[in-house]
Amino acid sequence: MLDTAAPTVTITSDAAALKAGETATVTFTFSEDPGASFTWDGTQGDVIVSGGTLSAISGSGLVRTATFTPDASTDGGTASITIGAGSYADAAGNTGGVGTTPSLHFDTLAPAVPLAHLSPLSDSGAIPVDGVTTVVTPTFDGFAEAGST
């Protein structure tokens, strides 16, 4: 039997969004074993990475994995992990197609310190903005990054 079909690869991530201190496991699933034609040592090889770093590939056969760590101090980043066409081959020498990029977003920037102050309507001190009150349930005004706690 003559093998003329090009192998394919699908790239998936176990997480769609990451925050500071989190990582994602990235899985490369091949339709045919690329053997030693597919490499990534964490800095060079057949993978193109942006938005962070990808550890060396582990595993063999059809499934390989690596750990993605997003860039630090980035607000609303998007990662890209791709494999270029022709960068791996099956046992028959057929070169593979482009690897799909998983959707991976990250926010590793700590939110700004929230600002809050006693509402002027709750300030009962001698001066309307002195931050002194005798109001039992005062109201505070302020702002913080959306979603922060």
C-alpha atoms as a PDB file:
ATOM      1  CA  MET A   1       0.000   0.000   0.000  1.00  0.00           C
ATOM      2  CA  LEU A   2       1.378   3.391  -1.011  1.00  0.00           C
ATOM      3  CA  ASP A   3       1.005   6.211   1.530  1.00  0.00           C
ATOM      4  CA  THR A   4       0.519   9.553  -0.244  1.00  0.00           C
ATOM      5  CA  ALA A   5      -1.620  11.298   2.372  1.00  0.00           C
ATOM      6  CA  ALA A   6      -0.113  14.239   4.197  1.00  0.00           C
ATOM      7  CA  PRO A   7      -0.194  13.918   7.994  1.00  0.00           C
ATOM      8  CA  THR A   8      -2.062  16.492  10.079  1.00  0.00           C
ATOM      9  CA  VAL A   9      -1.706  17.868  13.571  1.00  0.00           C
ATOM     10  CA  THR A  10      -4.221  19.439  15.934  1.00  0.00           C
ATOM     11  CA  ILE A  11      -3.072  21.641  18.803  1.00  0.00           C
ATOM     12  CA  THR A  12      -5.295  21.906  21.893  1.00  0.00           C
ATOM     13  CA  SER A  13      -5.009  23.470  25.329  1.00  0.00           C
ATOM     14  CA  ASP A  14      -6.552  22.343  28.611  1.00  0.00           C
ATOM     15  CA  ALA A  15      -7.309  26.003  29.436  1.00  0.00           C
ATOM     16  CA  ALA A  16      -8.804  28.825  27.383  1.00  0.00           C
ATOM     17  CA  ALA A  17      -7.809  31.599  29.815  1.00  0.00           C
ATOM     18  CA  LEU A  18      -4.947  31.987  32.290  1.00  0.00           C
ATOM     19  CA  LYS A  19      -4.075  34.435  35.029  1.00  0.00           C
ATOM     20  CA  ALA A  20      -0.804  35.127  36.854  1.00  0.00           C
ATOM     21  CA  GLY A  21       0.795  31.935  38.176  1.00  0.00           C
ATOM     22  CA  GLU A  22      -1.207  29.590  35.949  1.00  0.00           C
ATOM     23  CA  THR A  23      -0.024  27.379  33.088  1.00  0.00           C
ATOM     24  CA  ALA A  24      -1.741  25.321  30.413  1.00  0.00           C
ATOM     25  CA  THR A  25      -0.983  21.869  29.074  1.00  0.00           C
ATOM     26  CA  VAL A  26      -0.759  22.021  25.293  1.00  0.00           C
ATOM     27  CA  THR A  27      -1.360  18.780  23.401  1.00  0.00           C
ATOM     28  CA  PHE A  28      -0.197  18.040  19.866  1.00  0.00           C
ATOM     29  CA  THR A  29      -2.214  15.210  18.277  1.00  0.00           C
ATOM     30  CA  PHE A  30      -0.869  13.868  14.974  1.00  0.00           C
ATOM     31  CA  SER A  31      -2.794  11.782  12.448  1.00  0.00           C
ATOM     32  CA  GLU A  32       0.417   9.794  11.799  1.00  0.00           C
ATOM     33  CA  ASP A  33       3.515   9.455  13.956  1.00  0.00           C
ATOM     34  CA  PRO A  34       5.999  12.168  12.928  1.00  0.00           C
ATOM     35  CA  GLY A  35       8.830  10.301  14.671  1.00  0.00           C
ATOM     36  CA  ALA A  36      11.933  12.411  15.151  1.00  0.00           C
ATOM     37  CA  SER A  37      10.926  14.808  12.355  1.00  0.00           C
ATOM     38  CA  PHE A  38       8.972  16.867  14.921  1.00  0.00           C
ATOM     39  CA  THR A  39      11.051  18.584  17.586  1.00  0.00           C
ATOM     40  CA  TRP A  40      10.761  21.343  20.179  1.00  0.00           C
ATOM     41  CA  ASP A  41      13.289  21.665  23.007  1.00  0.00           C
ATOM     42  CA  GLY A  42      11.663  24.663  24.697  1.00  0.00           C
ATOM     43  CA  THR A  43      13.544  27.263  22.652  1.00  0.00           C
ATOM     44  CA  GLN A  44      13.915  25.944  19.123  1.00  0.00           C
ATOM     45  CA  GLY A  45      12.416  23.403  16.773  1.00  0.00           C
ATOM     46  CA  ASP A  46       9.202  23.091  14.793  1.00  0.00           C
ATOM     47  CA  VAL A  47       6.904  25.179  17.013  1.00  0.00           C
ATOM     48  CA  ILE A  48       6.319  28.929  16.784  1.00  0.00           C
ATOM     49  CA  VAL A  49       5.217  30.471  20.098  1.00  0.00           C
ATOM     50  CA  SER A  50       4.131  34.008  20.967  1.00  0.00           C
ATOM     51  CA  GLY A  51       2.676  35.406  24.167  1.00  0.00           C
ATOM     52  CA  GLY A  52       4.724  33.213  26.477  1.00  0.00           C
ATOM     53  CA  THR A  53       6.992  30.203  26.621  1.00  0.00           C
ATOM     54  CA  LEU A  54       6.428  26.552  25.808  1.00  0.00           C
ATOM     55  CA  SER A  55       8.389  23.848  27.608  1.00  0.00           C
ATOM     56  CA  ALA A  56      10.150  21.073  25.740  1.00  0.00           C
ATOM     57  CA  ILE A  57       7.831  18.537  24.119  1.00  0.00           C
ATOM     58  CA  SER A  58       7.341  15.245  25.930  1.00  0.00           C
ATOM     59  CA  GLY A  59       5.794  12.034  24.661  1.00  0.00           C
ATOM     60  CA  SER A  60       6.112  10.080  21.453  1.00  0.00           C
ATOM     61  CA  GLY A  61       3.901   8.591  18.800  1.00  0.00           C
ATOM     62  CA  LEU A  62       0.689  10.385  17.934  1.00  0.00           C
ATOM     63  CA  VAL A  63       0.377  12.505  21.105  1.00  0.00           C
ATOM     64  CA  ARG A  64       2.951  14.952  22.486  1.00  0.00           C
ATOM     65  CA  THR A  65       2.511  17.519  25.259  1.00  0.00           C
ATOM     66  CA  ALA A  66       4.196  20.649  26.601  1.00  0.00           C
ATOM     67  CA  THR A  67       3.467  23.316  29.230  1.00  0.00           C
ATOM     68  CA  PHE A  68       2.643  26.881  28.183  1.00  0.00           C
ATOM     69  CA  THR A  69       3.499  29.737  30.561  1.00  0.00           C
ATOM     70  CA  PRO A  70       2.089  33.165  29.598  1.00  0.00           C
ATOM     71  CA  ASP A  71       4.206  36.319  29.533  1.00  0.00           C
ATOM     72  CA  ALA A  72       4.259  38.147  32.872  1.00  0.00           C
ATOM     73  CA  SER A  73       2.685  41.561  33.489  1.00  0.00           C
ATOM     74  CA  THR A  74       0.439  41.459  30.426  1.00  0.00           C
ATOM     75  CA  ASP A  75      -3.129  42.771  30.458  1.00  0.00           C
ATOM     76  CA  GLY A  76      -5.336  40.918  27.986  1.00  0.00           C
ATOM     77  CA  GLY A  77      -2.734  38.889  26.078  1.00  0.00           C
ATOM     78  CA  THR A  78      -3.357  36.228  23.462  1.00  0.00           C
ATOM     79  CA  ALA A  79      -1.047  33.278  22.884  1.00  0.00           C
ATOM     80  CA  SER A  80      -0.226  31.749  19.538  1.00  0.00           C
ATOM     81  CA  ILE A  81       1.195  28.232  19.248  1.00  0.00           C
ATOM     82  CA  THR A  82       1.592  26.969  15.696  1.00  0.00           C
ATOM     83  CA  ILE A  83       3.444  24.418  13.611  1.00  0.00           C
ATOM     84  CA  GLY A  84       4.356  25.438  10.085  1.00  0.00           C
ATOM     85  CA  ALA A  85       3.472  23.359   7.036  1.00  0.00           C
ATOM     86  CA  GLY A  86       6.258  20.995   6.012  1.00  0.00           C
ATOM     87  CA  SER A  87       7.978  21.045   9.409  1.00  0.00           C
ATOM     88  CA  TYR A  88       7.182  17.377  10.189  1.00  0.00           C
ATOM     89  CA  ALA A  89       6.692  14.230   8.128  1.00  0.00           C
ATOM     90  CA  ASP A  90       5.246  10.727   8.387  1.00  0.00           C
ATOM     91  CA  ALA A  91       7.255   7.508   7.929  1.00  0.00           C
ATOM     92  CA  ALA A  92       6.612   7.601   4.156  1.00  0.00           C
ATOM     93  CA  GLY A  93       8.138  11.084   3.911  1.00  0.00           C
ATOM     94  CA  ASN A  94       4.871  12.959   3.353  1.00  0.00           C
ATOM     95  CA  THR A  95       5.199  16.421   4.902  1.00  0.00           C
ATOM     96  CA  GLY A  96       2.521  17.665   7.265  1.00  0.00           C
ATOM     97  CA  GLY A  97       0.205  20.635   7.138  1.00  0.00           C
ATOM     98  CA  VAL A  98      -0.106  23.669   9.392  1.00  0.00           C
ATOM     99  CA  GLY A  99      -1.068  23.032  13.027  1.00  0.00           C
ATOM    100  CA  THR A 100      -4.152  24.834  14.298  1.00  0.00           C
ATOM    101  CA  THR A 101      -3.703  27.366  17.064  1.00  0.00           C
ATOM    102  CA  PRO A 102      -5.727  26.947  20.265  1.00  0.00           C
ATOM    103  CA  SER A 103      -7.615  29.924  21.648  1.00  0.00           C
ATOM    104  CA  LEU A 104      -5.586  30.900  24.694  1.00  0.00           C
ATOM    105  CA  HIS A 105      -6.011  34.275  26.398  1.00  0.00           C
ATOM    106  CA  PHE A 106      -4.270  35.518  29.517  1.00  0.00           C
ATOM    107  CA  ASP A 107      -4.167  38.394  31.980  1.00  0.00           C
ATOM    108  CA  THR A 108      -1.061  38.310  34.147  1.00  0.00           C
ATOM    109  CA  LEU A 109      -1.043  41.985  35.084  1.00  0.00           C
ATOM    110  CA  ALA A 110      -2.040  42.633  38.686  1.00  0.00           C
ATOM    111  CA  PRO A 111      -4.978  45.037  38.926  1.00  0.00           C
ATOM    112  CA  ALA A 112      -4.362  48.575  40.102  1.00  0.00           C
ATOM    113  CA  VAL A 113      -5.063  49.265  43.755  1.00  0.00           C
ATOM    114  CA  PRO A 114      -8.775  49.997  44.078  1.00  0.00           C
ATOM    115  CA  LEU A 115      -9.663  53.527  45.116  1.00  0.00           C
ATOM    116  CA  ALA A 116     -12.478  54.097  47.595  1.00  0.00           C
ATOM    117  CA  HIS A 117     -13.627  56.999  49.741  1.00  0.00           C
ATOM    118  CA  LEU A 118     -16.523  57.900  51.965  1.00  0.00           C
ATOM    119  CA  SER A 119     -19.396  59.280  49.904  1.00  0.00           C
ATOM    120  CA  PRO A 120     -20.010  63.005  50.580  1.00  0.00           C
ATOM    121  CA  LEU A 121     -23.636  62.094  51.421  1.00  0.00           C
ATOM    122  CA  SER A 122     -22.409  59.847  54.266  1.00  0.00           C
ATOM    123  CA  ASP A 123     -19.759  62.273  55.552  1.00  0.00           C
ATOM    124  CA  SER A 124     -21.185  63.886  58.714  1.00  0.00           C
ATOM    125  CA  GLY A 125     -17.934  65.460  59.941  1.00  0.00           C
ATOM    126  CA  ALA A 126     -17.317  69.173  60.436  1.00  0.00           C
ATOM    127  CA  ILE A 127     -16.145  69.454  56.829  1.00  0.00           C
ATOM    128  CA  PRO A 128     -18.170  67.605  54.131  1.00  0.00           C
ATOM    129  CA  VAL A 129     -15.107  65.763  52.783  1.00  0.00           C
ATOM    130  CA  ASP A 130     -13.097  65.023  55.957  1.00  0.00           C
ATOM    131  CA  GLY A 131     -13.888  61.288  55.914  1.00  0.00           C
ATOM    132  CA  VAL A 132     -15.527  61.420  59.340  1.00  0.00           C
ATOM    133  CA  THR A 133     -19.018  60.012  59.835  1.00  0.00           C
ATOM    134  CA  THR A 134     -21.510  58.970  62.440  1.00  0.00           C
ATOM    135  CA  VAL A 135     -23.756  57.379  59.820  1.00  0.00           C
ATOM    136  CA  VAL A 136     -24.439  53.759  60.858  1.00  0.00           C
ATOM    137  CA  THR A 137     -24.429  52.394  57.287  1.00  0.00           C
ATOM    138  CA  PRO A 138     -22.235  54.748  55.284  1.00  0.00           C
ATOM    139  CA  THR A 139     -21.856  54.619  51.520  1.00  0.00           C
ATOM    140  CA  PHE A 140     -18.464  54.446  49.838  1.00  0.00           C
ATOM    141  CA  ASP A 141     -17.623  55.478  46.285  1.00  0.00           C
ATOM    142  CA  GLY A 142     -14.708  54.255  44.247  1.00  0.00           C
ATOM    143  CA  PHE A 143     -13.511  52.121  41.388  1.00  0.00           C
ATOM    144  CA  ALA A 144     -11.491  49.005  40.644  1.00  0.00           C
ATOM    145  CA  GLU A 145     -10.636  46.940  37.582  1.00  0.00           C
ATOM    146  CA  ALA A 146     -13.674  45.008  36.342  1.00  0.00           C
ATOM    147  CA  GLY A 147     -13.740  41.490  37.778  1.00  0.00           C
ATOM    148  CA  SER A 148     -11.176  42.187  40.491  1.00  0.00           C
ATOM    149  CA  THR A 149     -11.853  41.241  44.096  1.00  0.00           C
END
